[in-house]
Amino acid sequence: MDTEAQPTERDRPSRPESPGTEGRSRSALAARIADWVPGGRMTLGLFACLAFLLLLNAFVIQPFQIPSGSMEQGLRIGDRVLVNKLAYRFGAQPRRGDVIVFDGTGYFGNADYVKRVVGVGGDHVVCCDQKGRLEVNGRPVDETAILYPGDAPSGVPFDVAVPAGRLFVLGDHRGDSSDSRDHLGSPGGGMIPVGDVIGRADWIVWPYRHWTHLTRPSAYARASAAAGARG
C-alpha cells in the first residue's frame, strides 16, 4: 500500500501561474499609457528620455557655456564644458589647480562663474615673489603652461590667508579676469565658499575641434599644504 500522501484538488493551485504574467501586466500597463498619450509609444519614450536627462543634469553632469575670455586660452568664449557635479560629493574637496564652476551670488555677482582654484582653506597665497611668480605656502608655482600668453601671474599684488571652507580663485587670462583679487575688500574677501561650488569642469565637448579632458596642472600639486589645507 502506498502510504505517501496523494495530492487532492485542494492542494493544487486554483490559478496556475505563468512565468510571464508579471512581465505581460507591465507591458499591458505601458501599452495602456501609450494609448492614452498623444503620439503613443514615441511620445512616451521622449518623456522618459527627458526625465532621464533632467535627473542627469540635476545630480551628475551639467553643461556650461563659457561666457567670457577670463579662462583663455584654455577655455574660449562659447566653449561648452561638462561640469562633474559628483566630483566634490562624498567627502571630496576642491584641490589647487581644479577648474570649477560656482554660484557667485553675494560674492562675485548673481551668476555662475568658471575659475581656477589657486588656494584652498588654510593656504597662504602671495603674488608675486622676486621672480614674478605666484607663491602658495612659500612655494613658487610655475603657471607658464596655463596663463594666457603675455600675462603676468597678477598685475595686482596680494597676500592672503584662505579661511577654512573657502577657496581663492583666479582666471587663467589674468589681464581679463574679475576674480578673487578684485573682491578682496568685499564681504568674504573674495573667497568662495566650498558649498557654492557647483562642480568641476572636466571636459570641453563643443566645438568638436576643442574637445579635450581638463586636467589638474602638476605645478599646483608641488605647493606644500599649510596646516589643515588639502592639496
Foldseek 3Di string as FASTA:
>chain_A
DDPPDDDDPVNDDPDDDDPCPVVVVVVVVLQVVQVVDPPGPVVVVVVVVVVVVVVCCVAAKNKDAACDCLAPPLHDHGWIFIFGQCCCPPPRFDAAQFWFWFQCVQQQHRDIHTWGFHFAAFWKWWADPPVQFIAIQNHGFDCVVRADPPDGPEPDTDIDHHHHQWTFTGHSDRVPTDALVVRCVPVVRRTHGRVRIRGTGFWGPPPPVSTDGRDGDCRSVPHDGGPPTDD
